[in-house]
Amino acid sequence: MKRKVLHVINSMLPGGAEVLLANSLAPGGLCEHTENHLAYFRAPSYLLDKLDKKVKVHFLDYKGSTDIFRLLHQLKKTIIDNKIDIVHTHLNPSGLYTHIICPENVLHVHTMHTTYSMNNEQGKIRLWLRKHFFLLKRNVNIILLSDYTRDDFLSHVDFKGKSFVLNNFVQDIFFDLEKKRHYLPGQELKMIALGTLKPLKNFEYLLEVFGHLKGLPVSLDIYGGGNKGHYEKVIQENGLKVRMMGHTQNLPDIISGYDMLIMPSKFEGFPLSVFEAMAAGLPLMLSDIAPLRSIVHDHAIYFDLGNAAAVADQVKAVLQNDIDITVMAVKAKQYAQKTVRRESYIKNLLDIYSRL
């Protein structure tokens, strides 16, 4: 008999964790091995259309803090009524809320998608509650996305539960893409950036970098949901070759038309977009932060987050062919083939479930 697993997440709006979860529950994934349920608090999206038809979906329609007790009751009822064996949560507050109500006879494992010490997006009160009412408990099991993020977490939390490392994965379609462009020095260098328009993604810094690249054959398209107004104002006022493209549902159709991905994030866990680019054959320029170096290694150009002019010089070096991005892209794709295939992720996740 298959194990019954309930996957819990705050929303299904597109983001790294949400895309990962949807793709793991897509046809040919976890549903071949487990009976899967998905509970999400709010915000449905097109990602639900990716799910295997066998996944039972529970929309809990959370309306905010005044609705918390109904949400907790409904979540617990979902676990009990469906005789769930394992609850697998992603992001917070889903992890904390589930821990509060999860019956003792049901295993709970939580995937932490960020680098713990760098996460300053959530308020101090919420972080304190998560730490003291969830992470410090002995019966908590955590999945971290890399050795670096596990070491970082364990050095900041007196953790008593079980911890596991499990890399995210990339859809097979990215590995199978035919490259639409093969960059040659002298051509326009078409760069792409991906991510929600929020401070930690640091896209303002890219606008500063492109202020030093005026008149050169290089352009940037930024894809991501959020308020574009501030960025577009800066772009227009400074005459930058940057476009705000909004959210896209068709990244595989788009990404192969670019020459390089650039990511200026202030912190990350295991960003799927980096490995999607690697799988699609795009070379990388990444912010020089430890979480990214620990998972990408020497398969990228790294840049300083405090010197936009120096970053622009690195882009100029690519334009002048002082840095061979073609060889870099080939080696990066080979590395991605070994580390971020879905079949490896599913196998290793099932192993974690068994060990629990």
Foldseek 3Di string as FASTA:
>chain_A
DAAEEEEEEAECDDDQVNLLVLQQQAPPHLVVGHQYEYEYADYYDCSVVRGDPRYHYHHNPDDDDVCLVVSLVVVLCVCVVVVHAEYEYEDPPRQLSCVVRPDPNHQYEYEYWWQVVPPPPDDPVVNVCCQPRPQQDQRYEYEAAAPVSVVSVVVVHVGNYHYHYFHGFDEPLLLVADQPDDDDQPAQAEEEEEDAPDPQQPVVLVLVLQLLVPPHRYAYEYEHADDCVVVVVSCVVSVGRYYDDYHDPPCSVPLSPHAAYETEGPTGGRGPVVLSNLSNLHQYEYEPDVNVCRQQPPLHHYDHSPDSPVVNVVVVCVSVVVDPRNVSSVVSNVVSVPGHHSVVNSVVVVVVVVVD
